[in-house]
Amino acid sequence: MRLLTIPNQSVAKGWDEFDDGGRMKLSPCCVLMVDLIEDLVRLALPTCDIKDHHLDRYSERVESHDALSRRVCQTKVV
């Protein structure tokens, strides 16, 4: 599977961390969440244009033993 994963980031006692307007109160937890989102953006943006690089796997490119044997042991030059 090819995806970016992040560690479990939970807000302890989340009902105390938000104001009446639904915004997160400024706290160390809020600072950590902003840092996490910034790191995700920094990691995700550069990978958007080079998805072919990230989807290219050696195990999918490697030649099978049978195909290699057929190519190497052929009687005629192609």
PDB file of N, CA and C in Angstrom:
ATOM      1  N   MET A   1       0.836  -1.170   0.000  1.00  0.00           N
ATOM      2  CA  MET A   1       0.000   0.000   0.000  1.00  0.00           C
ATOM      3  C   MET A   1       0.887   1.241   0.000  1.00  0.00           C
ATOM      4  N   ARG A   2       0.515   2.219  -0.762  1.00  0.00           N
ATOM      5  CA  ARG A   2       1.326   3.421  -0.890  1.00  0.00           C
ATOM      6  C   ARG A   2       0.549   4.614  -0.358  1.00  0.00           C
ATOM      7  N   LEU A   3       0.881   5.038   0.836  1.00  0.00           N
ATOM      8  CA  LEU A   3       0.234   6.212   1.390  1.00  0.00           C
ATOM      9  C   LEU A   3       1.093   6.807   2.484  1.00  0.00           C
ATOM     10  N   LEU A   4       0.872   8.046   2.735  1.00  0.00           N
ATOM     11  CA  LEU A   4       1.552   8.719   3.826  1.00  0.00           C
ATOM     12  C   LEU A   4       0.800   8.413   5.114  1.00  0.00           C
ATOM     13  N   THR A   5       1.524   8.128   6.149  1.00  0.00           N
ATOM     14  CA  THR A   5       0.872   7.861   7.431  1.00  0.00           C
ATOM     15  C   THR A   5       1.393   8.836   8.467  1.00  0.00           C
ATOM     16  N   ILE A   6       0.564   9.118   9.420  1.00  0.00           N
ATOM     17  CA  ILE A   6       0.964   9.983  10.528  1.00  0.00           C
ATOM     18  C   ILE A   6       0.673   9.231  11.822  1.00  0.00           C
ATOM     19  N   PRO A   7       1.424   9.540  12.862  1.00  0.00           N
ATOM     20  CA  PRO A   7       1.145   8.888  14.136  1.00  0.00           C
ATOM     21  C   PRO A   7      -0.205   9.346  14.692  1.00  0.00           C
ATOM     22  N   ASN A   8      -0.708   8.602  15.633  1.00  0.00           N
ATOM     23  CA  ASN A   8      -1.980   8.934  16.253  1.00  0.00           C
ATOM     24  C   ASN A   8      -1.852  10.273  16.981  1.00  0.00           C
ATOM     25  N   GLN A   9      -2.567  11.247  16.510  1.00  0.00           N
ATOM     26  CA  GLN A   9      -2.571  12.566  17.143  1.00  0.00           C
ATOM     27  C   GLN A   9      -3.964  12.816  17.693  1.00  0.00           C
ATOM     28  N   SER A  10      -4.117  12.713  18.971  1.00  0.00           N
ATOM     29  CA  SER A  10      -5.434  12.931  19.557  1.00  0.00           C
ATOM     30  C   SER A  10      -5.379  14.132  20.491  1.00  0.00           C
ATOM     31  N   VAL A  11      -6.525  14.707  20.736  1.00  0.00           N
ATOM     32  CA  VAL A  11      -6.641  15.849  21.632  1.00  0.00           C
ATOM     33  C   VAL A  11      -7.254  15.330  22.924  1.00  0.00           C
ATOM     34  N   ALA A  12      -6.433  15.301  23.958  1.00  0.00           N
ATOM     35  CA  ALA A  12      -6.937  14.841  25.252  1.00  0.00           C
ATOM     36  C   ALA A  12      -7.979  15.820  25.774  1.00  0.00           C
ATOM     37  N   LYS A  13      -9.067  15.280  26.274  1.00  0.00           N
ATOM     38  CA  LYS A  13     -10.168  16.113  26.782  1.00  0.00           C
ATOM     39  C   LYS A  13     -10.530  17.187  25.760  1.00  0.00           C
ATOM     40  N   GLY A  14     -10.822  16.750  24.565  1.00  0.00           N
ATOM     41  CA  GLY A  14     -11.089  17.660  23.454  1.00  0.00           C
ATOM     42  C   GLY A  14     -12.191  18.660  23.730  1.00  0.00           C
ATOM     43  N   TRP A  15     -13.164  18.292  24.552  1.00  0.00           N
ATOM     44  CA  TRP A  15     -14.263  19.210  24.849  1.00  0.00           C
ATOM     45  C   TRP A  15     -13.780  20.446  25.590  1.00  0.00           C
ATOM     46  N   ASP A  16     -12.600  20.376  26.227  1.00  0.00           N
ATOM     47  CA  ASP A  16     -12.046  21.548  26.919  1.00  0.00           C
ATOM     48  C   ASP A  16     -11.143  22.378  26.015  1.00  0.00           C
ATOM     49  N   GLU A  17     -10.764  21.854  24.870  1.00  0.00           N
ATOM     50  CA  GLU A  17      -9.779  22.507  24.007  1.00  0.00           C
ATOM     51  C   GLU A  17     -10.382  23.450  22.975  1.00  0.00           C
ATOM     52  N   PHE A  18     -11.717  23.491  22.869  1.00  0.00           N
ATOM     53  CA  PHE A  18     -12.360  24.323  21.863  1.00  0.00           C
ATOM     54  C   PHE A  18     -13.240  25.375  22.513  1.00  0.00           C
ATOM     55  N   ASP A  19     -13.312  26.558  21.874  1.00  0.00           N
ATOM     56  CA  ASP A  19     -14.169  27.615  22.404  1.00  0.00           C
ATOM     57  C   ASP A  19     -15.590  27.448  21.872  1.00  0.00           C
ATOM     58  N   ASP A  20     -16.467  28.374  22.247  1.00  0.00           N
ATOM     59  CA  ASP A  20     -17.871  28.286  21.832  1.00  0.00           C
ATOM     60  C   ASP A  20     -18.043  28.432  20.323  1.00  0.00           C
ATOM     61  N   GLY A  21     -17.101  29.082  19.679  1.00  0.00           N
ATOM     62  CA  GLY A  21     -17.167  29.264  18.224  1.00  0.00           C
ATOM     63  C   GLY A  21     -16.646  28.063  17.440  1.00  0.00           C
ATOM     64  N   GLY A  22     -16.142  27.063  18.135  1.00  0.00           N
ATOM     65  CA  GLY A  22     -15.645  25.870  17.479  1.00  0.00           C
ATOM     66  C   GLY A  22     -14.174  25.913  17.111  1.00  0.00           C
ATOM     67  N   ARG A  23     -13.493  26.985  17.504  1.00  0.00           N
ATOM     68  CA  ARG A  23     -12.060  27.084  17.209  1.00  0.00           C
ATOM     69  C   ARG A  23     -11.255  26.543  18.376  1.00  0.00           C
ATOM     70  N   MET A  24     -10.108  25.978  18.064  1.00  0.00           N
ATOM     71  CA  MET A  24      -9.244  25.434  19.102  1.00  0.00           C
ATOM     72  C   MET A  24      -8.587  26.575  19.868  1.00  0.00           C
ATOM     73  N   LYS A  25      -8.630  26.459  21.178  1.00  0.00           N
ATOM     74  CA  LYS A  25      -7.994  27.479  22.027  1.00  0.00           C
ATOM     75  C   LYS A  25      -6.477  27.388  21.863  1.00  0.00           C
ATOM     76  N   LEU A  26      -5.813  28.544  22.006  1.00  0.00           N
ATOM     77  CA  LEU A  26      -4.360  28.566  21.935  1.00  0.00           C
ATOM     78  C   LEU A  26      -3.803  27.834  23.156  1.00  0.00           C
ATOM     79  N   SER A  27      -3.118  26.745  22.905  1.00  0.00           N
ATOM     80  CA  SER A  27      -2.552  25.914  23.971  1.00  0.00           C
ATOM     81  C   SER A  27      -1.399  25.121  23.369  1.00  0.00           C
ATOM     82  N   PRO A  28      -0.625  24.443  24.213  1.00  0.00           N
ATOM     83  CA  PRO A  28       0.445  23.605  23.660  1.00  0.00           C
ATOM     84  C   PRO A  28      -0.087  22.547  22.686  1.00  0.00           C
ATOM     85  N   CYS A  29      -1.276  22.032  22.958  1.00  0.00           N
ATOM     86  CA  CYS A  29      -1.878  21.044  22.057  1.00  0.00           C
ATOM     87  C   CYS A  29      -2.176  21.669  20.694  1.00  0.00           C
ATOM     88  N   CYS A  30      -2.664  22.892  20.689  1.00  0.00           N
ATOM     89  CA  CYS A  30      -2.950  23.598  19.439  1.00  0.00           C
ATOM     90  C   CYS A  30      -1.666  23.818  18.645  1.00  0.00           C
ATOM     91  N   VAL A  31      -0.602  24.186  19.333  1.00  0.00           N
ATOM     92  CA  VAL A  31       0.687  24.409  18.680  1.00  0.00           C
ATOM     93  C   VAL A  31       1.188  23.112  18.044  1.00  0.00           C
ATOM     94  N   LEU A  32       1.029  21.988  18.737  1.00  0.00           N
ATOM     95  CA  LEU A  32       1.452  20.700  18.190  1.00  0.00           C
ATOM     96  C   LEU A  32       0.628  20.324  16.961  1.00  0.00           C
ATOM     97  N   MET A  33      -0.671  20.592  17.002  1.00  0.00           N
ATOM     98  CA  MET A  33      -1.524  20.274  15.861  1.00  0.00           C
ATOM     99  C   MET A  33      -1.144  21.126  14.642  1.00  0.00           C
ATOM    100  N   VAL A  34      -0.847  22.401  14.867  1.00  0.00           N
ATOM    101  CA  VAL A  34      -0.433  23.269  13.758  1.00  0.00           C
ATOM    102  C   VAL A  34       0.891  22.779  13.189  1.00  0.00           C
ATOM    103  N   ASP A  35       1.832  22.379  14.068  1.00  0.00           N
ATOM    104  CA  ASP A  35       3.101  21.835  13.595  1.00  0.00           C
ATOM    105  C   ASP A  35       2.880  20.583  12.747  1.00  0.00           C
ATOM    106  N   LEU A  36       1.979  19.727  13.176  1.00  0.00           N
ATOM    107  CA  LEU A  36       1.680  18.504  12.435  1.00  0.00           C
ATOM    108  C   LEU A  36       1.131  18.818  11.046  1.00  0.00           C
ATOM    109  N   ILE A  37       0.177  19.753  10.982  1.00  0.00           N
ATOM    110  CA  ILE A  37      -0.413  20.106   9.688  1.00  0.00           C
ATOM    111  C   ILE A  37       0.638  20.744   8.771  1.00  0.00           C
ATOM    112  N   GLU A  38       1.484  21.606   9.329  1.00  0.00           N
ATOM    113  CA  GLU A  38       2.539  22.217   8.515  1.00  0.00           C
ATOM    114  C   GLU A  38       3.481  21.150   7.964  1.00  0.00           C
ATOM    115  N   ASP A  39       3.837  20.166   8.788  1.00  0.00           N
ATOM    116  CA  ASP A  39       4.712  19.097   8.324  1.00  0.00           C
ATOM    117  C   ASP A  39       4.046  18.287   7.220  1.00  0.00           C
ATOM    118  N   LEU A  40       2.762  18.023   7.351  1.00  0.00           N
ATOM    119  CA  LEU A  40       2.048  17.282   6.313  1.00  0.00           C
ATOM    120  C   LEU A  40       2.021  18.051   4.999  1.00  0.00           C
ATOM    121  N   VAL A  41       1.811  19.357   5.083  1.00  0.00           N
ATOM    122  CA  VAL A  41       1.794  20.177   3.871  1.00  0.00           C
ATOM    123  C   VAL A  41       3.177  20.191   3.234  1.00  0.00           C
ATOM    124  N   ARG A  42       4.213  20.347   4.052  1.00  0.00           N
ATOM    125  CA  ARG A  42       5.580  20.349   3.514  1.00  0.00           C
ATOM    126  C   ARG A  42       5.908  19.029   2.832  1.00  0.00           C
ATOM    127  N   LEU A  43       5.396  17.948   3.364  1.00  0.00           N
ATOM    128  CA  LEU A  43       5.669  16.638   2.800  1.00  0.00           C
ATOM    129  C   LEU A  43       4.808  16.374   1.573  1.00  0.00           C
ATOM    130  N   ALA A  44       3.563  16.822   1.590  1.00  0.00           N
ATOM    131  CA  ALA A  44       2.629  16.495   0.520  1.00  0.00           C
ATOM    132  C   ALA A  44       2.830  17.355  -0.733  1.00  0.00           C
ATOM    133  N   LEU A  45       3.095  18.637  -0.578  1.00  0.00           N
ATOM    134  CA  LEU A  45       3.209  19.516  -1.743  1.00  0.00           C
ATOM    135  C   LEU A  45       4.297  19.097  -2.723  1.00  0.00           C
ATOM    136  N   PRO A  46       5.496  18.816  -2.264  1.00  0.00           N
ATOM    137  CA  PRO A  46       6.526  18.419  -3.230  1.00  0.00           C
ATOM    138  C   PRO A  46       6.230  17.090  -3.908  1.00  0.00           C
ATOM    139  N   THR A  47       5.462  16.232  -3.295  1.00  0.00           N
ATOM    140  CA  THR A  47       5.197  14.923  -3.881  1.00  0.00           C
ATOM    141  C   THR A  47       4.074  14.951  -4.910  1.00  0.00           C
ATOM    142  N   CYS A  48       3.348  16.045  -5.011  1.00  0.00           N
ATOM    143  CA  CYS A  48       2.225  16.100  -5.947  1.00  0.00           C
ATOM    144  C   CYS A  48       2.680  15.980  -7.398  1.00  0.00           C
ATOM    145  N   ASP A  49       3.777  16.622  -7.763  1.00  0.00           N
ATOM    146  CA  ASP A  49       4.218  16.649  -9.154  1.00  0.00           C
ATOM    147  C   ASP A  49       5.046  15.435  -9.553  1.00  0.00           C
ATOM    148  N   ILE A  50       5.478  14.630  -8.588  1.00  0.00           N
ATOM    149  CA  ILE A  50       6.343  13.501  -8.923  1.00  0.00           C
ATOM    150  C   ILE A  50       5.717  12.184  -8.494  1.00  0.00           C
ATOM    151  N   LYS A  51       4.417  12.064  -8.708  1.00  0.00           N
ATOM    152  CA  LYS A  51       3.738  10.846  -8.267  1.00  0.00           C
ATOM    153  C   LYS A  51       4.247   9.619  -9.002  1.00  0.00           C
ATOM    154  N   ASP A  52       4.701   9.773 -10.254  1.00  0.00           N
ATOM    155  CA  ASP A  52       5.239   8.622 -10.974  1.00  0.00           C
ATOM    156  C   ASP A  52       6.460   8.055 -10.255  1.00  0.00           C
ATOM    157  N   HIS A  53       7.254   8.940  -9.690  1.00  0.00           N
ATOM    158  CA  HIS A  53       8.435   8.506  -8.928  1.00  0.00           C
ATOM    159  C   HIS A  53       8.024   7.702  -7.701  1.00  0.00           C
ATOM    160  N   HIS A  54       6.977   8.119  -7.032  1.00  0.00           N
ATOM    161  CA  HIS A  54       6.542   7.445  -5.813  1.00  0.00           C
ATOM    162  C   HIS A  54       5.761   6.162  -6.092  1.00  0.00           C
ATOM    163  N   LEU A  55       5.210   6.046  -7.281  1.00  0.00           N
ATOM    164  CA  LEU A  55       4.430   4.859  -7.613  1.00  0.00           C
ATOM    165  C   LEU A  55       5.259   3.802  -8.337  1.00  0.00           C
ATOM    166  N   ASP A  56       6.506   4.094  -8.615  1.00  0.00           N
ATOM    167  CA  ASP A  56       7.379   3.175  -9.323  1.00  0.00           C
ATOM    168  C   ASP A  56       8.091   2.284  -8.306  1.00  0.00           C
ATOM    169  N   ARG A  57       7.831   0.984  -8.371  1.00  0.00           N
ATOM    170  CA  ARG A  57       8.419   0.065  -7.403  1.00  0.00           C
ATOM    171  C   ARG A  57       9.311  -0.947  -8.105  1.00  0.00           C
ATOM    172  N   TYR A  58      10.412  -1.251  -7.481  1.00  0.00           N
ATOM    173  CA  TYR A  58      11.356  -2.218  -8.028  1.00  0.00           C
ATOM    174  C   TYR A  58      10.691  -3.572  -8.233  1.00  0.00           C
ATOM    175  N   SER A  59       9.905  -4.005  -7.260  1.00  0.00           N
ATOM    176  CA  SER A  59       9.277  -5.324  -7.347  1.00  0.00           C
ATOM    177  C   SER A  59       8.327  -5.430  -8.538  1.00  0.00           C
ATOM    178  N   GLU A  60       7.822  -4.305  -9.023  1.00  0.00           N
ATOM    179  CA  GLU A  60       6.940  -4.317 -10.187  1.00  0.00           C
ATOM    180  C   GLU A  60       7.713  -4.182 -11.496  1.00  0.00           C
ATOM    181  N   ARG A  61       8.969  -3.728 -11.432  1.00  0.00           N
ATOM    182  CA  ARG A  61       9.784  -3.570 -12.628  1.00  0.00           C
ATOM    183  C   ARG A  61      10.676  -4.776 -12.893  1.00  0.00           C
ATOM    184  N   VAL A  62      11.021  -5.509 -11.855  1.00  0.00           N
ATOM    185  CA  VAL A  62      11.997  -6.589 -11.981  1.00  0.00           C
ATOM    186  C   VAL A  62      11.469  -7.680 -12.925  1.00  0.00           C
ATOM    187  N   GLU A  63      12.371  -8.165 -13.721  1.00  0.00           N
ATOM    188  CA  GLU A  63      12.033  -9.183 -14.705  1.00  0.00           C
ATOM    189  C   GLU A  63      11.922 -10.541 -14.003  1.00  0.00           C
ATOM    190  N   SER A  64      10.938 -11.314 -14.369  1.00  0.00           N
ATOM    191  CA  SER A  64      10.793 -12.633 -13.762  1.00  0.00           C
ATOM    192  C   SER A  64      11.924 -13.548 -14.223  1.00  0.00           C
ATOM    193  N   HIS A  65      12.178 -14.597 -13.485  1.00  0.00           N
ATOM    194  CA  HIS A  65      13.245 -15.529 -13.817  1.00  0.00           C
ATOM    195  C   HIS A  65      13.006 -16.162 -15.188  1.00  0.00           C
ATOM    196  N   ASP A  66      11.761 -16.545 -15.463  1.00  0.00           N
ATOM    197  CA  ASP A  66      11.446 -17.158 -16.754  1.00  0.00           C
ATOM    198  C   ASP A  66      11.662 -16.189 -17.909  1.00  0.00           C
ATOM    199  N   ALA A  67      11.223 -14.945 -17.746  1.00  0.00           N
ATOM    200  CA  ALA A  67      11.396 -13.954 -18.805  1.00  0.00           C
ATOM    201  C   ALA A  67      12.875 -13.661 -19.033  1.00  0.00           C
ATOM    202  N   LEU A  68      13.641 -13.576 -17.965  1.00  0.00           N
ATOM    203  CA  LEU A  68      15.079 -13.336 -18.085  1.00  0.00           C
ATOM    204  C   LEU A  68      15.758 -14.506 -18.798  1.00  0.00           C
ATOM    205  N   SER A  69      15.394 -15.720 -18.448  1.00  0.00           N
ATOM    206  CA  SER A  69      15.980 -16.904 -19.086  1.00  0.00           C
ATOM    207  C   SER A  69      15.656 -16.933 -20.577  1.00  0.00           C
ATOM    208  N   ARG A  70      14.429 -16.621 -20.941  1.00  0.00           N
ATOM    209  CA  ARG A  70      14.046 -16.593 -22.354  1.00  0.00           C
ATOM    210  C   ARG A  70      14.844 -15.529 -23.123  1.00  0.00           C
ATOM    211  N   ARG A  71      15.031 -14.360 -22.494  1.00  0.00           N
ATOM    212  CA  ARG A  71      15.748 -13.274 -23.162  1.00  0.00           C
ATOM    213  C   ARG A  71      17.226 -13.599 -23.326  1.00  0.00           C
ATOM    214  N   VAL A  72      17.844 -14.173 -22.307  1.00  0.00           N
ATOM    215  CA  VAL A  72      19.273 -14.432 -22.330  1.00  0.00           C
ATOM    216  C   VAL A  72      19.610 -15.675 -23.166  1.00  0.00           C
ATOM    217  N   CYS A  73      18.767 -16.673 -23.136  1.00  0.00           N
ATOM    218  CA  CYS A  73      19.035 -17.938 -23.819  1.00  0.00           C
ATOM    219  C   CYS A  73      18.416 -18.031 -25.204  1.00  0.00           C
ATOM    220  N   GLN A  74      18.088 -16.911 -25.820  1.00  0.00           N
ATOM    221  CA  GLN A  74      17.476 -16.970 -27.143  1.00  0.00           C
ATOM    222  C   GLN A  74      18.497 -17.392 -28.197  1.00  0.00           C
ATOM    223  N   THR A  75      18.029 -18.015 -29.223  1.00  0.00           N
ATOM    224  CA  THR A  75      18.936 -18.528 -30.260  1.00  0.00           C
ATOM    225  C   THR A  75      19.231 -17.502 -31.334  1.00  0.00           C
ATOM    226  N   LYS A  76      18.330 -16.568 -31.566  1.00  0.00           N
ATOM    227  CA  LYS A  76      18.533 -15.528 -32.581  1.00  0.00           C
ATOM    228  C   LYS A  76      18.770 -14.187 -31.912  1.00  0.00           C
ATOM    229  N   VAL A  77      19.553 -13.356 -32.559  1.00  0.00           N
ATOM    230  CA  VAL A  77      19.772 -12.005 -32.058  1.00  0.00           C
ATOM    231  C   VAL A  77      18.609 -11.149 -32.552  1.00  0.00           C
ATOM    232  N   VAL A  78      18.014 -10.428 -31.649  1.00  0.00           N
ATOM    233  CA  VAL A  78      16.872  -9.592 -32.012  1.00  0.00           C
ATOM    234  C   VAL A  78      17.309  -8.182 -32.208  1.00  0.00           C
TER     235      VAL A  78
END
